[in-house]
Amino acid sequence: MTVAPGTLVLAGTPIGDIADAPPRLAEELAGADVVAAEDTRRLRRLTQALGVQPKGRVVSYFEGNEAARTPELVEALLGGSRVLLVTDAGMPSVSDPGYRLVAAAVKKDIKVTAVPGPSAVLTALALSGLPVDRFCFEGFLPRKAGERLSRLREVAGERRTLVYFEAPHRLDDTLAAMAEVFGAERRAAVCRELTKTYEEIKRGPVGELAEWAAEGVRGEITVVVEGAPEKAEELGADELVRRVRVREEAGERRKEAIAAVAVEAGVPKREVFDAVVAAKSAQKPL
């Protein structure tokens, strides 16, 4: 007899306050045939807080074993099991394990559903005071300084509000890099310890936030950054070079002049830099 495939359930978990757990979360934890958890110890604390005892098998599912564990979970789903996936906080697959399993389940025509829950991305966005009608989530930036700058330059002209996750010990470097690429006056909000006892929302120009973060910041961090300003006009390479020249003649260093022109023109700093380099190569006067 052919067994109908089971269902994969992605369950959002509290990002801080346990009282934010959706009622369905307890039901799914109690009734699932398999519970796949990013950290089984944190799962145990969660179930104890909710007063529920999973009846199904509990397995770990984290970055280190995600590739190896996925086929096993897909096999359970094909055998008719209801598999519940939970991560440490928030929604699985949003900068957490889960995407690989969802993709594999979809490929096998297995039903995938969700228990909606708290989201650090949406919570920070709503609290930031920045435009929320259009936004993009960029996850974690690269750890290495050069790669981080390159990634930021890719979105320097992005008009939508940007949302990032960041580790507290890298926050000052990240904000300093944002000030360099986006301009020190770009508005941002650092959202720390969302829904927890010491929740803090620090808003201001990204340059000022970088100075604040240099003193040391603790906790879970989400950074929301204003999108690039609308271009008042499309400036050609010659005009960008001319504006850099005017600032240099006024006494600014070339690096600062390029950064300032990029901000006022609403273009990535790399675009202005490339125009200046091209002009120099063509022996145009700067």
Protein backbone atom coordinates (compact mmCIF):
# COMPACT_ATOMS: atom_id res chain seq x y z
CA MET A 1 0.00 0.00 0.00
CA THR A 2 1.28 3.43 -0.95
CA VAL A 3 1.82 5.76 2.00
CA ALA A 4 0.90 9.39 1.53
CA PRO A 5 3.79 11.80 2.22
CA GLY A 6 3.77 13.64 5.51
CA THR A 7 4.10 17.36 6.14
CA LEU A 8 7.06 19.58 6.90
CA VAL A 9 6.18 22.31 9.40
CA LEU A 10 8.42 25.34 9.89
CA ALA A 11 7.74 26.84 13.31
CA GLY A 12 8.69 30.32 14.44
CA THR A 13 10.02 30.49 17.98
CA PRO A 14 10.30 33.49 20.35
CA ILE A 15 13.22 35.84 19.69
CA GLY A 16 13.30 36.83 23.36
CA ASP A 17 10.09 36.84 25.37
CA ILE A 18 8.73 33.31 25.74
CA ALA A 19 5.21 34.75 26.02
CA ASP A 20 5.44 35.58 22.31
CA ALA A 21 5.27 31.88 21.40
CA PRO A 22 2.24 31.25 19.17
CA PRO A 23 -0.33 28.81 20.67
CA ARG A 24 0.07 26.43 17.73
CA LEU A 25 3.75 25.98 18.55
CA ALA A 26 2.96 23.93 21.66
CA GLU A 27 0.45 21.84 19.71
CA GLU A 28 2.95 21.08 16.96
CA LEU A 29 5.74 20.28 19.43
CA ALA A 30 3.46 17.82 21.22
CA GLY A 31 2.11 16.16 18.10
CA ALA A 32 4.99 15.98 15.61
CA ASP A 33 6.46 12.60 14.72
CA VAL A 34 9.91 14.16 14.40
CA VAL A 35 11.18 17.43 15.87
CA ALA A 36 14.33 18.75 14.19
CA ALA A 37 15.96 21.44 16.35
CA GLU A 38 18.94 23.70 15.76
CA ASP A 39 19.96 23.18 19.41
CA THR A 40 18.28 20.34 21.33
CA ARG A 41 19.25 21.91 24.67
CA ARG A 42 17.47 25.15 23.80
CA LEU A 43 14.54 23.10 22.56
CA ARG A 44 14.36 21.41 25.97
CA ARG A 45 14.24 24.79 27.70
CA LEU A 46 11.53 25.95 25.29
CA THR A 47 9.33 22.89 25.83
CA GLN A 48 9.72 23.16 29.59
CA ALA A 49 8.68 26.82 29.48
CA LEU A 50 5.66 25.92 27.38
CA GLY A 51 4.78 22.94 29.55
CA VAL A 52 4.79 20.49 26.68
CA GLN A 53 6.49 17.12 26.10
CA PRO A 54 7.28 16.12 22.49
CA LYS A 55 5.96 12.64 21.76
CA GLY A 56 8.07 12.25 18.63
CA ARG A 57 11.75 11.68 18.02
CA VAL A 58 13.98 14.71 18.62
CA VAL A 59 17.01 15.20 16.36
CA SER A 60 19.51 18.00 15.89
CA TYR A 61 19.51 20.01 12.67
CA PHE A 62 22.14 22.72 12.50
CA GLU A 63 24.67 24.16 10.07
CA GLY A 64 27.22 21.43 10.75
CA ASN A 65 24.94 18.47 10.00
CA GLU A 66 22.30 20.07 7.77
CA ALA A 67 23.55 18.47 4.55
CA ALA A 68 23.81 14.98 6.07
CA ARG A 69 20.56 15.15 8.04
CA THR A 70 18.33 16.44 5.22
CA PRO A 71 18.01 13.12 3.31
CA GLU A 72 17.06 11.37 6.56
CA LEU A 73 14.28 13.88 7.25
CA VAL A 74 13.03 13.73 3.67
CA GLU A 75 12.84 9.94 4.00
CA ALA A 76 10.74 10.34 7.16
CA LEU A 77 8.46 12.77 5.34
CA LEU A 78 8.04 10.39 2.41
CA GLY A 79 7.10 7.72 4.96
CA GLY A 80 4.19 9.82 6.18
CA SER A 81 5.76 11.56 9.18
CA ARG A 82 4.95 15.07 10.32
CA VAL A 83 8.32 16.77 10.76
CA LEU A 84 8.56 19.97 12.79
CA LEU A 85 11.59 22.21 12.24
CA VAL A 86 12.52 24.81 14.87
CA THR A 87 15.59 27.00 15.21
CA ASP A 88 16.97 28.86 18.21
CA ALA A 89 14.91 32.01 17.59
CA GLY A 90 12.69 33.30 14.82
CA MET A 91 11.67 31.58 11.61
CA PRO A 92 13.67 28.62 10.25
CA SER A 93 15.58 29.27 6.99
CA VAL A 94 15.83 33.05 7.59
CA SER A 95 19.60 33.17 8.24
CA ASP A 96 19.05 29.86 10.05
CA PRO A 97 18.98 26.19 8.99
CA GLY A 98 15.94 25.21 6.96
CA TYR A 99 16.28 26.29 3.34
CA ARG A 100 18.01 23.07 2.30
CA LEU A 101 15.25 20.93 3.81
CA VAL A 102 12.45 23.04 2.35
CA ALA A 103 14.01 22.85 -1.12
CA ALA A 104 14.41 19.07 -0.84
CA ALA A 105 10.80 18.64 0.34
CA VAL A 106 9.42 20.81 -2.45
CA LYS A 107 11.39 18.78 -4.99
CA LYS A 108 9.65 15.64 -3.73
CA ASP A 109 6.19 17.29 -3.78
CA ILE A 110 5.96 17.11 0.00
CA LYS A 111 3.62 19.60 1.65
CA VAL A 112 5.40 22.43 3.49
CA THR A 113 3.55 24.71 5.90
CA ALA A 114 4.43 27.07 8.73
CA VAL A 115 3.51 28.18 12.22
CA PRO A 116 4.09 31.95 11.95
CA GLY A 117 5.99 33.48 14.81
CA PRO A 118 8.19 36.37 15.92
CA SER A 119 10.72 37.74 13.45
CA ALA A 120 13.70 39.91 14.35
CA VAL A 121 13.73 41.23 10.77
CA LEU A 122 10.17 42.56 10.81
CA THR A 123 10.28 43.65 14.45
CA ALA A 124 13.43 45.73 13.91
CA LEU A 125 12.07 47.16 10.68
CA ALA A 126 8.85 48.27 12.36
CA LEU A 127 10.70 49.84 15.31
CA SER A 128 13.40 51.55 13.26
CA GLY A 129 11.43 54.61 12.26
CA LEU A 130 12.70 54.18 8.70
CA PRO A 131 10.57 53.57 5.57
CA VAL A 132 8.93 50.13 5.65
CA ASP A 133 7.01 50.09 2.37
CA ARG A 134 9.94 48.48 0.53
CA PHE A 135 12.88 46.68 2.14
CA CYS A 136 15.41 43.92 1.56
CA PHE A 137 17.01 41.55 4.05
CA GLU A 138 20.77 41.11 3.63
CA GLY A 139 21.46 38.68 6.50
CA PHE A 140 24.98 38.67 7.95
CA LEU A 141 27.78 40.56 6.21
CA PRO A 142 31.13 38.78 5.58
CA ARG A 143 33.56 38.74 8.51
CA LYS A 144 36.58 39.87 6.46
CA ALA A 145 36.88 43.65 6.04
CA GLY A 146 37.52 43.60 2.28
CA GLU A 147 34.64 41.26 1.54
CA ARG A 148 32.37 43.28 3.82
CA LEU A 149 33.16 46.50 1.94
CA SER A 150 32.57 44.79 -1.41
CA ARG A 151 29.17 43.53 -0.30
CA LEU A 152 28.17 46.97 0.95
CA ARG A 153 29.27 48.60 -2.30
CA GLU A 154 26.95 46.25 -4.18
CA VAL A 155 23.95 47.81 -2.41
CA ALA A 156 25.21 51.39 -2.02
CA GLY A 157 22.63 52.60 -4.54
CA GLU A 158 19.79 50.40 -3.24
CA ARG A 159 16.69 52.56 -2.67
CA ARG A 160 14.93 50.09 -0.35
CA THR A 161 15.52 49.99 3.40
CA LEU A 162 18.23 47.44 4.26
CA VAL A 163 18.09 45.01 7.20
CA TYR A 164 21.13 43.14 8.54
CA PHE A 165 21.99 40.75 11.36
CA GLU A 166 25.33 41.33 13.08
CA ALA A 167 27.40 39.93 15.93
CA PRO A 168 27.96 42.44 18.76
CA HIS A 169 31.76 42.22 18.58
CA ARG A 170 31.70 43.17 14.88
CA LEU A 171 29.06 45.88 15.09
CA ASP A 172 31.47 48.84 15.32
CA ASP A 173 33.47 47.67 12.29
CA THR A 174 30.29 47.06 10.30
CA LEU A 175 28.83 50.48 11.09
CA ALA A 176 32.17 52.15 10.25
CA ALA A 177 32.19 50.34 6.91
CA MET A 178 28.60 51.46 6.26
CA ALA A 179 29.59 55.05 7.03
CA GLU A 180 32.45 54.78 4.55
CA VAL A 181 30.36 53.28 1.74
CA PHE A 182 26.89 54.77 2.32
CA GLY A 183 28.00 58.09 3.80
CA ALA A 184 28.18 59.00 7.48
CA GLU A 185 24.82 60.81 7.35
CA ARG A 186 22.77 57.84 6.14
CA ARG A 187 20.10 57.14 8.76
CA ALA A 188 20.10 53.82 10.58
CA ALA A 189 18.82 52.04 13.68
CA VAL A 190 20.61 49.46 15.81
CA CYS A 191 18.06 47.17 17.46
CA ARG A 192 19.50 45.26 20.40
CA GLU A 193 17.96 42.46 22.49
CA LEU A 194 14.54 42.74 20.84
CA THR A 195 11.62 41.79 23.15
CA LYS A 196 14.06 41.06 25.99
CA THR A 197 14.54 42.84 29.33
CA TYR A 198 17.27 45.15 28.05
CA GLU A 199 15.78 45.93 24.66
CA GLU A 200 17.33 49.04 23.14
CA ILE A 201 16.76 50.88 19.86
CA LYS A 202 19.56 53.31 18.98
CA ARG A 203 18.71 55.58 16.05
CA GLY A 204 20.80 58.17 14.22
CA PRO A 205 23.27 58.80 11.38
CA VAL A 206 25.34 55.71 10.74
CA GLY A 207 28.58 57.61 11.45
CA GLU A 208 27.37 58.53 14.94
CA LEU A 209 26.18 54.99 15.57
CA ALA A 210 29.65 53.71 14.64
CA GLU A 211 31.20 55.96 17.31
CA TRP A 212 28.63 54.75 19.85
CA ALA A 213 29.26 51.09 19.03
CA ALA A 214 33.03 51.52 19.41
CA GLU A 215 32.47 51.63 23.19
CA GLY A 216 31.20 48.05 23.09
CA VAL A 217 27.74 46.58 22.60
CA ARG A 218 26.25 43.32 23.85
CA GLY A 219 23.34 41.14 22.84
CA GLU A 220 21.54 40.05 19.69
CA ILE A 221 21.81 42.77 17.04
CA THR A 222 19.68 43.73 14.04
CA VAL A 223 20.69 46.77 11.99
CA VAL A 224 18.25 48.70 9.81
CA VAL A 225 19.66 51.19 7.29
CA GLU A 226 17.88 53.81 5.21
CA GLY A 227 17.93 53.22 1.47
CA ALA A 228 19.93 55.40 -0.90
CA PRO A 229 18.45 58.83 -1.59
CA GLU A 230 16.60 59.39 -4.84
CA LYS A 231 18.84 60.79 -7.53
CA ALA A 232 17.88 64.33 -8.32
CA GLU A 233 19.48 63.89 -11.72
CA GLU A 234 21.51 61.36 -13.62
CA LEU A 235 25.09 62.59 -13.52
CA GLY A 236 27.55 61.47 -16.15
CA ALA A 237 31.13 60.49 -15.44
CA ASP A 238 32.45 63.89 -16.53
CA GLU A 239 30.18 65.70 -14.06
CA LEU A 240 31.20 63.37 -11.24
CA VAL A 241 34.86 64.07 -12.01
CA ARG A 242 34.19 67.82 -12.17
CA ARG A 243 32.56 67.78 -8.74
CA VAL A 244 35.50 65.88 -7.27
CA ARG A 245 37.87 68.44 -8.79
CA VAL A 246 35.92 71.35 -7.29
CA ARG A 247 36.11 69.82 -3.84
CA GLU A 248 39.82 69.08 -4.19
CA GLU A 249 40.48 72.65 -5.22
CA ALA A 250 38.64 73.72 -2.08
CA GLY A 251 41.12 71.73 0.01
CA GLU A 252 39.47 68.31 0.43
CA ARG A 253 41.52 65.15 0.08
CA ARG A 254 40.57 63.09 -2.96
CA LYS A 255 39.24 60.19 -0.86
CA GLU A 256 36.89 62.47 1.08
CA ALA A 257 35.89 64.33 -2.10
CA ILE A 258 34.93 61.09 -3.83
CA ALA A 259 32.89 59.95 -0.81
CA ALA A 260 31.07 63.29 -0.60
CA VAL A 261 30.24 63.39 -4.31
CA ALA A 262 28.92 59.82 -4.14
CA VAL A 263 26.54 60.77 -1.32
CA GLU A 264 25.26 63.96 -2.97
CA ALA A 265 24.82 62.20 -6.33
CA GLY A 266 23.15 59.15 -4.79
CA VAL A 267 25.54 56.70 -6.45
CA PRO A 268 27.95 54.09 -5.10
CA LYS A 269 31.34 55.48 -4.13
CA ARG A 270 32.94 52.97 -6.48
CA GLU A 271 31.19 54.64 -9.45
CA VAL A 272 32.76 58.00 -8.62
CA PHE A 273 36.15 56.41 -7.95
CA ASP A 274 36.07 54.58 -11.30
CA ALA A 275 35.18 57.83 -13.10
CA VAL A 276 38.14 59.60 -11.49
CA VAL A 277 40.53 56.75 -12.34
CA ALA A 278 39.26 56.67 -15.94
CA ALA A 279 39.74 60.44 -16.25
CA LYS A 280 43.28 60.15 -14.93
CA SER A 281 44.06 57.31 -17.36
CA ALA A 282 42.73 59.42 -20.21
CA GLN A 283 44.91 62.27 -18.91
CA LYS A 284 41.93 64.52 -18.35
CA PRO A 285 42.76 67.27 -15.85
CA LEU A 286 41.36 66.72 -12.39
